[in-house]
Amino acid sequence: MSTVDVSIELTELLQSPTVHHNLSVPQLVEKVLSRREGLLTSSGAVRAETGKYTGRSPEDKFIVEEASTKEKIDWGKVNKPFSSEKFDALYKKVLTYLKEQKELFVFNGYAGADLKYRLPIRVVNEYAWHNLFAHQLFIRPSKEELISHEAEFTVISAPNFKADPVVDGTNSETFIIISFERKVVLIGGTEYAGEIKKSIFSVMNYLLPENNILSMHCSANVGQEGDVALFFGLSGTGKTTLSADPNRRLIGDDEHGWSNSGVFNIEGGCYAKCINLSKEKEPQIYDAIRFGAVLENVIIDHDSRLPDYDDNMLTENTRAAYPLQAIDNIVDPSVAGHPTTIVFLTADAFGVLPPISKLAKEQAMYHFLSGYTSKLAGTERGVTSPQATFSTCFGSPFLPLPATTYAEMLGEKIDEHNVNVYLVNTGWTGGEYGVGQRMKLAYTRAMVQSALEGELTNVETIKDPIFGLNIPAHVPGVPDEVLQPSKTWDSQEDYEQKAKELAQKFQENFKKFSNVPEEIAELGGPLV
């Protein structure tokens, strides 16, 4: 079977009268309810459950090994190869399965807010609520754009199709497979909608650098003076929360490109964690969850249909998907200038990293390549408590190319635009996870605000003796002792032991980068 045959079969499938193309939000909500895929909450949002898969499945993700991309992909634990023959056979199985379904749903739209670099995409869904998710998360076309829309990449999601690992060559019943030659993402065996979003992000992380554009796992906003800030960090570190600032306009909460013209959002919506969400702490996110929004795995009251954001019975990784337009102060279209400030967010489960430190160029490159954080409960299957991890460029699961490709591009842009870079710990203080407590959001907001307003550019700093980080001696609104991690622990001996343990992990992890300039390894990392 050739690739052309499969393409023809897909075209024929999508021409069926039972396939719904580009339904409106109200139409999709009606479908979700009539098909009993979800419930309507008191705010008008749709609530759906994702079954046993309540987070991403990184062990089930593959890239097809193809002649045109084979030498470019950074093959390994993250980017696992999948044979072309196995892909075509599985693809045909999935299409055959979808033909048997009573209804399918198709969304046509874009990834990339900059018109010069956007990617026309198509998302084919077995579930109406997944299609509503795609409608809210990607960039929606105008009526005029829809007429001439020709998809360059297609995502096919069939949650109820289970693979046979022995026959199909997958790791389990679940699979997320990208073929760059066929321009197709094949998803099956999981109802977790985040796989749809992140698969297109992986695609853009391959395509954008080919056009000399840095693709980034970060949120972005812009101040009243036009100053742009980027927030890098893995899921749960605070990208969405900290970028949703009432005094700054939001560009986007998770995925961006940085071209020679400036920054642009890859998406058209937000996918916010909502465990413990409250109107008091995060009013923008709370108010955005209204008609058309999608809630994943949030417990709701049977009678009142009020969401209980504090209930983690199904997962810690409860989510809300909504369009950017649900937030008042956004940049529309989601395009802005070059950043003046970059913030690396880490949720340190060891409780030893400073809540904020200013990074020199070498330190910025070191910590970008390291991407240290803690995997938080629920973001991946099997993660039930925070685990210390290093995710290269704060987005390793989604980077098809070698890490140095992205790091070198970032370093060049930091130099070219004289960007201030900070490392912010939103994790634990006063002890490791289970002993200390999570850093207060109010403190983190105060520190970030001071950084964005330039108050920390020339402030007095204290060098951390273990990590070599420059810690501001004073930050408005934050007690001085909070800024020095060692002063928050009851036992200095315990602190030093845990700090040296983490420093050793940094050094061991960095050994995997063999082609990094010596000054980055020598000047950027821990001192011990």
Protein backbone atom coordinates (compact mmCIF):
# COMPACT_ATOMS: atom_id res chain seq x y z
CA MET A 1 0.00 0.00 0.00
CA SER A 2 1.43 3.39 -0.96
CA THR A 3 1.17 6.72 0.79
CA VAL A 4 -0.96 8.01 -2.09
CA ASP A 5 -3.52 5.23 -1.52
CA VAL A 6 -3.92 6.27 2.10
CA SER A 7 -4.28 9.93 1.13
CA ILE A 8 -7.06 9.04 -1.30
CA GLU A 9 -8.79 6.93 1.34
CA LEU A 10 -8.70 9.83 3.81
CA THR A 11 -10.17 12.20 1.22
CA GLU A 12 -12.97 9.74 0.49
CA LEU A 13 -13.65 9.27 4.20
CA LEU A 14 -13.95 13.01 4.82
CA GLN A 15 -16.45 13.39 1.95
CA SER A 16 -18.95 11.14 3.70
CA PRO A 17 -22.27 12.83 4.63
CA THR A 18 -21.80 11.70 8.25
CA VAL A 19 -18.64 13.80 8.60
CA HIS A 20 -19.26 17.26 10.09
CA HIS A 21 -16.91 20.00 8.94
CA ASN A 22 -16.18 23.12 10.97
CA LEU A 23 -19.22 23.09 13.21
CA SER A 24 -19.73 26.17 15.34
CA VAL A 25 -19.22 26.10 19.11
CA PRO A 26 -22.98 25.87 19.83
CA GLN A 27 -23.34 23.07 17.29
CA LEU A 28 -20.44 21.16 18.82
CA VAL A 29 -21.81 21.63 22.33
CA GLU A 30 -25.14 20.24 21.15
CA LYS A 31 -23.35 17.22 19.67
CA VAL A 32 -21.37 16.63 22.86
CA LEU A 33 -24.57 16.61 24.91
CA SER A 34 -26.73 14.60 22.51
CA ARG A 35 -23.98 11.97 22.13
CA ARG A 36 -23.56 11.87 25.94
CA GLU A 37 -19.85 12.61 25.67
CA GLY A 38 -19.96 15.19 28.43
CA LEU A 39 -22.07 17.36 30.72
CA LEU A 40 -22.91 21.06 30.74
CA THR A 41 -21.61 22.83 33.84
CA SER A 42 -23.21 25.76 35.65
CA SER A 43 -21.01 28.24 33.75
CA GLY A 44 -21.88 26.75 30.35
CA ALA A 45 -18.60 24.92 29.89
CA VAL A 46 -18.58 21.31 28.69
CA ARG A 47 -17.11 18.79 31.11
CA ALA A 48 -15.68 15.51 29.84
CA GLU A 49 -13.75 12.64 31.39
CA THR A 50 -10.75 11.06 29.66
CA GLY A 51 -10.94 7.60 31.23
CA LYS A 52 -7.78 5.93 32.47
CA TYR A 53 -5.47 8.24 30.51
CA THR A 54 -5.56 11.56 32.34
CA GLY A 55 -2.19 12.80 31.10
CA ARG A 56 0.18 12.46 28.18
CA SER A 57 1.64 9.05 27.27
CA PRO A 58 5.29 9.79 26.38
CA GLU A 59 6.21 6.11 26.10
CA ASP A 60 3.63 5.74 23.32
CA LYS A 61 4.88 8.58 21.13
CA PHE A 62 6.83 7.87 17.92
CA ILE A 63 8.16 9.57 14.80
CA VAL A 64 8.16 7.69 11.51
CA GLU A 65 11.68 7.02 10.26
CA GLU A 66 11.73 8.49 6.76
CA ALA A 67 14.45 9.28 4.24
CA SER A 68 13.93 13.06 4.25
CA THR A 69 13.97 13.43 8.04
CA LYS A 70 16.06 10.49 9.28
CA GLU A 71 19.30 12.46 9.62
CA LYS A 72 17.63 15.49 11.24
CA ILE A 73 15.67 13.90 14.10
CA ASP A 74 17.31 13.58 17.52
CA TRP A 75 16.53 9.89 17.92
CA GLY A 76 16.46 8.45 21.42
CA LYS A 77 14.16 7.93 24.38
CA VAL A 78 11.96 10.91 23.45
CA ASN A 79 11.93 10.58 19.67
CA LYS A 80 11.49 6.86 19.10
CA PRO A 81 11.55 5.63 15.47
CA PHE A 82 8.56 3.91 13.87
CA SER A 83 8.78 2.08 10.55
CA SER A 84 7.03 3.43 7.46
CA GLU A 85 5.51 0.04 6.71
CA LYS A 86 4.04 -0.31 10.21
CA PHE A 87 2.71 3.26 10.05
CA ASP A 88 0.93 2.72 6.72
CA ALA A 89 -0.63 -0.51 7.96
CA LEU A 90 -1.83 1.10 11.21
CA TYR A 91 -3.04 4.17 9.32
CA LYS A 92 -5.18 1.99 7.08
CA LYS A 93 -6.61 0.18 10.10
CA VAL A 94 -7.57 3.46 11.75
CA LEU A 95 -9.24 4.77 8.57
CA THR A 96 -11.18 1.52 8.23
CA TYR A 97 -12.30 1.87 11.84
CA LEU A 98 -13.37 5.49 11.36
CA LYS A 99 -15.44 4.58 8.30
CA GLU A 100 -17.57 2.44 10.59
CA GLN A 101 -18.39 5.33 12.93
CA LYS A 102 -21.77 7.05 12.69
CA GLU A 103 -20.28 10.54 12.89
CA LEU A 104 -16.88 12.22 12.59
CA PHE A 105 -15.89 15.82 13.20
CA VAL A 106 -13.36 17.92 11.28
CA PHE A 107 -11.76 21.22 12.24
CA ASN A 108 -9.79 23.28 9.72
CA GLY A 109 -7.60 26.03 11.11
CA TYR A 110 -4.03 27.16 11.70
CA ALA A 111 -1.03 26.84 13.97
CA GLY A 112 0.93 30.11 14.13
CA ALA A 113 -0.53 33.60 14.51
CA ASP A 114 2.03 35.23 12.21
CA LEU A 115 0.53 35.06 8.71
CA LYS A 116 4.00 34.58 7.18
CA TYR A 117 4.70 31.40 9.13
CA ARG A 118 1.35 29.83 10.01
CA LEU A 119 0.66 26.18 9.23
CA PRO A 120 -2.77 25.23 7.83
CA ILE A 121 -3.94 22.17 9.80
CA ARG A 122 -6.87 19.77 9.86
CA VAL A 123 -8.03 17.82 12.91
CA VAL A 124 -10.25 14.74 12.42
CA ASN A 125 -12.01 13.53 15.55
CA GLU A 126 -14.07 10.56 16.64
CA TYR A 127 -15.40 12.63 19.54
CA ALA A 128 -17.31 15.90 19.24
CA TRP A 129 -15.75 17.19 22.47
CA HIS A 130 -12.25 16.61 21.07
CA ASN A 131 -13.24 18.65 18.03
CA LEU A 132 -14.53 21.41 20.33
CA PHE A 133 -11.16 21.24 22.10
CA ALA A 134 -9.35 21.67 18.77
CA HIS A 135 -11.66 24.55 17.84
CA GLN A 136 -10.75 26.38 21.06
CA LEU A 137 -7.02 25.58 21.16
CA PHE A 138 -5.97 26.24 17.57
CA ILE A 139 -6.37 29.37 15.47
CA ARG A 140 -9.82 29.61 13.93
CA PRO A 141 -10.10 30.74 10.30
CA SER A 142 -12.41 33.46 9.05
CA LYS A 143 -15.14 32.51 6.60
CA GLU A 144 -12.99 33.85 3.79
CA GLU A 145 -9.93 31.88 4.93
CA LEU A 146 -11.98 28.72 5.26
CA ILE A 147 -12.94 28.84 1.57
CA SER A 148 -9.31 28.64 0.44
CA HIS A 149 -8.01 26.57 3.37
CA GLU A 150 -5.82 23.63 2.34
CA ALA A 151 -4.41 21.61 5.20
CA GLU A 152 -0.68 20.98 5.18
CA PHE A 153 -0.82 18.71 8.24
CA THR A 154 -3.62 16.45 9.50
CA VAL A 155 -4.23 15.08 12.99
CA ILE A 156 -6.42 11.96 13.13
CA SER A 157 -7.66 11.06 16.60
CA ALA A 158 -9.46 7.76 17.21
CA PRO A 159 -9.56 7.26 21.02
CA ASN A 160 -11.59 4.06 20.92
CA PHE A 161 -9.27 2.33 18.46
CA LYS A 162 -6.86 0.17 20.44
CA ALA A 163 -3.60 -0.92 18.87
CA ASP A 164 -2.20 -4.44 19.13
CA PRO A 165 1.46 -3.90 20.09
CA VAL A 166 2.55 -7.28 18.74
CA VAL A 167 1.00 -6.70 15.33
CA ASP A 168 1.15 -2.91 15.03
CA GLY A 169 4.60 -2.28 16.49
CA THR A 170 3.38 0.12 19.19
CA ASN A 171 4.37 0.12 22.86
CA SER A 172 0.81 -0.40 24.08
CA GLU A 173 -2.78 0.04 22.96
CA THR A 174 -2.08 3.78 22.84
CA PHE A 175 -0.12 5.54 20.09
CA ILE A 176 0.82 9.06 19.02
CA ILE A 177 2.78 8.83 15.76
CA ILE A 178 4.04 11.70 13.59
CA SER A 179 4.91 11.24 9.92
CA PHE A 180 6.62 14.33 8.52
CA GLU A 181 6.64 13.00 4.95
CA ARG A 182 2.97 12.02 4.98
CA LYS A 183 2.17 15.14 7.05
CA VAL A 184 -0.05 13.17 9.36
CA VAL A 185 -0.33 12.67 13.12
CA LEU A 186 -2.07 9.43 14.10
CA ILE A 187 -3.52 9.20 17.62
CA GLY A 188 -5.37 6.25 19.11
CA GLY A 189 -6.13 4.47 22.35
CA THR A 190 -6.27 7.60 24.52
CA GLU A 191 -9.02 10.12 25.23
CA TYR A 192 -6.65 12.70 26.71
CA ALA A 193 -7.15 15.76 24.48
CA GLY A 194 -3.72 17.19 25.29
CA GLU A 195 -2.17 14.73 22.85
CA ILE A 196 -3.86 16.61 19.98
CA LYS A 197 -2.43 19.93 21.07
CA LYS A 198 1.08 18.70 21.83
CA SER A 199 1.42 16.70 18.61
CA ILE A 200 1.01 19.87 16.54
CA PHE A 201 3.50 21.62 18.84
CA SER A 202 6.00 18.84 18.07
CA VAL A 203 5.36 19.38 14.37
CA MET A 204 5.99 23.13 14.69
CA ASN A 205 9.17 22.44 16.68
CA TYR A 206 10.45 20.68 13.59
CA LEU A 207 9.17 23.04 10.92
CA LEU A 208 9.86 26.49 12.43
CA PRO A 209 13.64 26.12 12.96
CA GLU A 210 13.85 25.10 9.31
CA ASN A 211 12.74 28.70 8.61
CA ASN A 212 15.20 30.16 11.14
CA ILE A 213 12.45 30.66 13.74
CA LEU A 214 12.98 29.60 17.34
CA SER A 215 10.05 27.51 18.57
CA MET A 216 9.53 27.72 22.33
CA HIS A 217 7.57 26.03 25.11
CA CYS A 218 6.72 29.24 26.90
CA SER A 219 3.99 31.73 27.69
CA ALA A 220 4.31 35.36 26.65
CA ASN A 221 2.81 38.73 27.49
CA VAL A 222 3.45 42.39 26.82
CA GLY A 223 3.43 45.43 29.11
CA GLN A 224 1.95 48.86 28.56
CA GLU A 225 5.26 50.11 27.17
CA GLY A 226 5.41 47.31 24.62
CA ASP A 227 7.94 45.29 26.63
CA VAL A 228 7.59 41.58 25.89
CA ALA A 229 8.28 38.84 28.45
CA LEU A 230 8.66 35.09 27.95
CA PHE A 231 7.99 32.46 30.62
CA PHE A 232 9.59 29.06 30.03
CA GLY A 233 8.59 26.02 32.07
CA LEU A 234 7.03 22.60 32.00
CA SER A 235 3.42 21.87 32.83
CA GLY A 236 2.47 22.99 36.32
CA THR A 237 5.34 25.42 36.88
CA GLY A 238 3.18 28.52 36.46
CA LYS A 239 3.44 29.59 32.82
CA THR A 240 -0.29 30.13 32.43
CA THR A 241 -0.81 31.60 35.90
CA LEU A 242 2.07 34.09 35.76
CA SER A 243 1.44 35.23 32.20
CA ALA A 244 -2.24 35.95 33.00
CA ASP A 245 -1.40 39.34 34.50
CA PRO A 246 -4.18 41.98 34.64
CA ASN A 247 -1.55 44.70 34.05
CA ARG A 248 -0.12 43.05 30.94
CA ARG A 249 -1.72 41.80 27.75
CA LEU A 250 -1.47 38.09 27.07
CA ILE A 251 0.15 36.91 23.83
CA GLY A 252 -0.23 33.24 24.66
CA ASP A 253 0.10 30.75 27.52
CA ASP A 254 2.17 27.84 26.19
CA GLU A 255 3.67 27.78 22.67
CA HIS A 256 5.44 30.50 20.69
CA GLY A 257 7.74 31.22 17.80
CA TRP A 258 10.46 33.91 17.76
CA SER A 259 11.23 35.19 14.29
CA ASN A 260 13.33 38.10 13.05
CA SER A 261 10.21 40.25 13.47
CA GLY A 262 9.39 39.24 17.05
CA VAL A 263 7.25 36.76 18.98
CA PHE A 264 4.02 35.08 17.85
CA ASN A 265 1.66 32.59 19.46
CA ILE A 266 1.40 29.17 17.86
CA GLU A 267 -2.07 28.61 19.31
CA GLY A 268 -5.43 30.32 19.48
CA GLY A 269 -6.37 29.26 22.99
CA CYS A 270 -5.22 28.25 26.47
CA TYR A 271 -5.00 24.85 28.14
CA ALA A 272 -4.79 25.73 31.82
CA LYS A 273 -4.38 23.44 34.79
CA CYS A 274 -7.30 24.12 37.09
CA ILE A 275 -6.67 22.06 40.20
CA ASN A 276 -7.38 24.33 43.21
CA LEU A 277 -8.49 27.09 40.83
CA SER A 278 -10.27 30.01 42.48
CA LYS A 279 -11.62 33.34 41.31
CA GLU A 280 -9.61 35.09 44.01
CA LYS A 281 -6.21 33.69 42.97
CA GLU A 282 -6.63 33.44 39.20
CA PRO A 283 -9.61 35.55 38.09
CA GLN A 284 -8.74 35.61 34.38
CA ILE A 285 -8.63 31.83 34.10
CA TYR A 286 -11.68 31.37 36.32
CA ASP A 287 -13.80 33.80 34.30
CA ALA A 288 -12.66 32.31 30.99
CA ILE A 289 -14.34 29.00 31.80
CA ARG A 290 -17.72 29.75 30.31
CA PHE A 291 -19.87 28.60 27.38
CA GLY A 292 -17.74 26.78 24.82
CA ALA A 293 -14.88 26.05 27.19
CA VAL A 294 -13.89 22.43 27.83
CA LEU A 295 -13.21 21.05 31.30
CA GLU A 296 -11.27 17.79 31.54
CA ASN A 297 -11.69 15.46 34.52
CA VAL A 298 -13.06 18.17 36.82
CA ILE A 299 -15.49 16.84 39.42
CA ILE A 300 -18.88 18.57 39.26
CA ASP A 301 -21.90 18.47 41.57
CA HIS A 302 -24.60 16.17 40.20
CA ASP A 303 -27.45 18.61 40.78
CA SER A 304 -26.03 22.13 40.62
CA ARG A 305 -23.38 21.24 38.00
CA LEU A 306 -20.95 23.47 39.90
CA PRO A 307 -17.30 22.45 39.35
CA ASP A 308 -15.26 21.48 42.39
CA TYR A 309 -11.77 22.58 41.37
CA ASP A 310 -10.28 21.31 44.65
CA ASP A 311 -11.35 17.71 44.04
CA ASN A 312 -8.56 15.59 42.58
CA MET A 313 -10.46 12.30 42.67
CA LEU A 314 -9.81 11.62 38.96
CA THR A 315 -6.45 13.35 38.62
CA GLU A 316 -4.32 16.30 39.76
CA ASN A 317 -4.08 17.16 36.08
CA THR A 318 -7.54 18.71 35.69
CA ARG A 319 -7.64 21.06 32.72
CA ALA A 320 -9.60 23.88 31.13
CA ALA A 321 -9.44 24.68 27.41
CA TYR A 322 -10.74 28.03 26.19
CA PRO A 323 -10.06 30.53 23.38
CA LEU A 324 -7.77 33.49 23.96
CA GLN A 325 -10.72 35.77 23.30
CA ALA A 326 -12.23 34.58 26.61
CA ILE A 327 -9.59 36.73 28.31
CA ASP A 328 -10.08 40.49 28.29
CA ASN A 329 -6.55 41.86 27.96
CA ILE A 330 -4.97 39.96 25.09
CA VAL A 331 -2.94 40.88 22.05
CA ASP A 332 -5.07 40.19 18.98
CA PRO A 333 -3.66 38.93 16.68
CA SER A 334 -1.15 37.23 18.98
CA VAL A 335 1.95 38.87 17.56
CA ALA A 336 4.39 41.21 19.36
CA GLY A 337 7.95 42.51 19.29
CA HIS A 338 11.20 41.09 20.63
CA PRO A 339 11.39 40.12 24.33
CA THR A 340 13.22 42.27 26.88
CA THR A 341 12.87 39.73 29.73
CA ILE A 342 12.96 35.93 29.87
CA VAL A 343 11.91 33.94 32.93
CA PHE A 344 12.83 30.28 33.38
CA LEU A 345 10.31 28.65 35.73
CA THR A 346 11.22 25.61 37.79
CA ALA A 347 9.25 23.76 40.44
CA ASP A 348 12.15 22.59 42.61
CA ALA A 349 11.03 19.59 44.67
CA PHE A 350 14.34 19.68 46.60
CA GLY A 351 13.46 23.13 47.99
CA VAL A 352 17.00 24.47 47.58
CA LEU A 353 16.95 26.74 44.52
CA PRO A 354 16.46 30.49 45.13
CA PRO A 355 12.96 31.84 44.43
CA ILE A 356 14.59 34.21 41.92
CA SER A 357 18.08 34.74 40.56
CA LYS A 358 19.53 36.77 37.71
CA LEU A 359 21.37 34.73 35.09
CA ALA A 360 24.47 35.70 33.17
CA LYS A 361 24.58 34.63 29.50
CA GLU A 362 26.43 31.36 30.25
CA GLN A 363 24.06 30.56 33.11
CA ALA A 364 21.05 31.24 30.91
CA MET A 365 22.30 28.77 28.31
CA TYR A 366 23.18 26.21 30.98
CA HIS A 367 19.77 26.33 32.63
CA PHE A 368 17.93 26.40 29.30
CA LEU A 369 19.72 23.22 28.20
CA SER A 370 19.24 21.66 31.64
CA GLY A 371 15.54 22.50 31.92
CA TYR A 372 15.39 21.39 35.53
CA THR A 373 11.99 21.07 37.18
CA SER A 374 9.80 18.49 38.86
CA LYS A 375 7.20 16.48 37.00
CA LEU A 376 4.03 17.29 38.88
CA ALA A 377 1.37 14.77 39.73
CA GLY A 378 -0.94 13.85 36.87
CA THR A 379 0.83 15.49 33.92
CA GLU A 380 2.00 12.06 32.77
CA ARG A 381 0.68 8.59 33.48
CA GLY A 382 2.31 7.06 36.55
CA VAL A 383 3.45 10.36 38.10
CA THR A 384 1.69 10.57 41.47
CA SER A 385 4.09 12.89 43.35
CA PRO A 386 6.67 15.46 42.21
CA GLN A 387 9.78 13.90 40.63
CA ALA A 388 12.99 15.79 39.95
CA THR A 389 13.65 15.78 36.22
CA PHE A 390 15.63 17.55 33.51
CA SER A 391 13.65 18.45 30.40
CA THR A 392 15.94 20.01 27.83
CA CYS A 393 14.88 23.51 26.77
CA PHE A 394 11.92 23.17 29.16
CA GLY A 395 10.17 21.13 26.49
CA SER A 396 12.10 17.94 25.76
CA PRO A 397 9.03 15.75 25.10
CA PHE A 398 8.12 17.94 22.12
CA LEU A 399 11.50 18.64 20.47
CA PRO A 400 12.25 16.51 17.38
CA LEU A 401 15.59 18.25 16.67
CA PRO A 402 18.81 18.16 18.75
CA ALA A 403 18.60 20.39 21.85
CA THR A 404 21.57 22.47 20.76
CA THR A 405 19.59 23.62 17.70
CA TYR A 406 17.14 25.47 19.96
CA ALA A 407 19.74 26.53 22.53
CA GLU A 408 22.03 28.13 19.97
CA MET A 409 19.13 30.06 18.46
CA LEU A 410 18.08 31.31 21.90
CA GLY A 411 21.64 32.36 22.76
CA GLU A 412 21.92 34.36 19.55
CA LYS A 413 18.64 36.15 20.26
CA ILE A 414 19.58 36.93 23.88
CA ASP A 415 22.75 38.58 22.60
CA GLU A 416 21.10 40.36 19.69
CA HIS A 417 18.30 41.88 21.77
CA ASN A 418 20.14 42.29 25.11
CA VAL A 419 17.56 40.26 27.02
CA ASN A 420 17.55 39.98 30.84
CA VAL A 421 17.13 36.36 31.98
CA TYR A 422 15.93 35.13 35.39
CA LEU A 423 15.51 31.72 37.01
CA VAL A 424 12.38 31.59 39.20
CA ASN A 425 11.58 28.70 41.55
CA THR A 426 7.85 28.23 41.98
CA GLY A 427 8.43 24.96 43.83
CA TRP A 428 9.24 24.29 47.46
CA THR A 429 10.87 26.36 50.19
CA GLY A 430 11.86 25.61 53.78
CA GLY A 431 12.44 21.96 52.96
CA GLU A 432 11.97 19.42 50.21
CA TYR A 433 8.60 18.19 48.99
CA GLY A 434 6.74 16.68 51.92
CA VAL A 435 8.65 18.78 54.46
CA GLY A 436 8.62 22.37 53.21
CA GLN A 437 5.80 24.28 51.57
CA ARG A 438 5.09 25.51 48.06
CA MET A 439 6.36 29.02 47.33
CA LYS A 440 3.59 31.56 47.90
CA LEU A 441 2.12 32.74 44.61
CA ALA A 442 1.99 36.31 45.95
CA TYR A 443 5.77 36.26 46.47
CA THR A 444 6.40 34.82 43.03
CA ARG A 445 4.18 37.46 41.44
CA ALA A 446 6.05 40.23 43.30
CA MET A 447 9.43 38.91 42.17
CA VAL A 448 8.35 38.52 38.57
CA GLN A 449 6.81 41.99 38.54
CA SER A 450 10.06 43.50 39.83
CA ALA A 451 12.00 41.65 37.13
CA LEU A 452 9.66 42.81 34.36
CA GLU A 453 9.75 46.42 35.54
CA GLY A 454 13.54 46.46 35.51
CA GLU A 455 13.88 46.84 39.28
CA LEU A 456 16.31 43.90 39.49
CA THR A 457 18.60 44.89 36.65
CA ASN A 458 21.19 46.64 38.84
CA VAL A 459 20.11 45.48 42.30
CA GLU A 460 22.60 44.20 44.90
CA THR A 461 22.99 40.43 44.64
CA ILE A 462 24.35 37.63 46.80
CA LYS A 463 26.09 34.68 45.11
CA ASP A 464 24.75 31.28 46.11
CA PRO A 465 27.82 29.29 47.26
CA ILE A 466 26.55 25.99 45.83
CA PHE A 467 24.79 26.93 42.58
CA GLY A 468 26.68 30.15 41.77
CA LEU A 469 23.40 31.97 41.18
CA ASN A 470 23.12 35.72 41.75
CA ILE A 471 20.27 36.24 44.22
CA PRO A 472 18.76 39.73 44.67
CA ALA A 473 19.31 40.91 48.25
CA HIS A 474 15.96 42.72 48.29
CA VAL A 475 12.74 42.42 46.30
CA PRO A 476 9.73 44.66 47.06
CA GLY A 477 6.93 42.70 48.70
CA VAL A 478 9.09 39.67 49.58
CA PRO A 479 10.75 39.04 52.99
CA ASP A 480 14.54 39.06 52.61
CA GLU A 481 14.94 35.67 54.31
CA VAL A 482 12.66 34.04 51.71
CA LEU A 483 15.12 35.02 48.98
CA GLN A 484 17.92 32.96 50.59
CA PRO A 485 16.91 29.26 50.53
CA SER A 486 19.33 28.28 53.30
CA LYS A 487 17.62 30.68 55.71
CA THR A 488 14.23 29.01 55.24
CA TRP A 489 15.39 25.56 56.41
CA ASP A 490 15.42 24.53 60.09
CA SER A 491 18.61 22.52 59.61
CA GLN A 492 21.57 24.00 57.71
CA GLU A 493 23.13 20.56 57.51
CA ASP A 494 20.02 19.12 55.86
CA TYR A 495 19.89 22.06 53.46
CA GLU A 496 23.52 21.71 52.36
CA GLN A 497 23.15 17.97 51.89
CA LYS A 498 20.06 18.37 49.72
CA ALA A 499 21.53 21.32 47.76
CA LYS A 500 24.73 19.38 46.98
CA GLU A 501 22.62 16.40 45.95
CA LEU A 502 20.76 18.54 43.42
CA ALA A 503 23.99 20.20 42.23
CA GLN A 504 25.38 16.74 41.51
CA LYS A 505 22.27 15.88 39.51
CA PHE A 506 22.78 19.05 37.41
CA GLN A 507 26.38 18.10 36.67
CA GLU A 508 25.58 14.49 35.83
CA ASN A 509 22.75 15.54 33.52
CA PHE A 510 24.90 18.09 31.66
CA LYS A 511 27.44 15.44 30.68
CA LYS A 512 25.06 14.34 27.91
CA PHE A 513 25.79 17.57 26.01
CA SER A 514 29.08 16.80 24.28
CA ASN A 515 29.16 19.65 21.77
CA VAL A 516 28.40 22.60 24.08
CA PRO A 517 31.04 25.38 24.39
CA GLU A 518 33.24 24.88 27.47
CA GLU A 519 32.45 28.28 28.96
CA ILE A 520 28.76 27.33 29.28
CA ALA A 521 29.54 24.14 31.19
CA GLU A 522 32.21 25.81 33.33
CA LEU A 523 30.55 29.15 34.10
CA GLY A 524 26.88 28.27 33.88
CA GLY A 525 26.41 25.44 36.34
CA PRO A 526 26.77 24.69 40.06
CA LEU A 527 30.06 25.46 41.81
CA VAL A 528 30.26 22.16 43.72
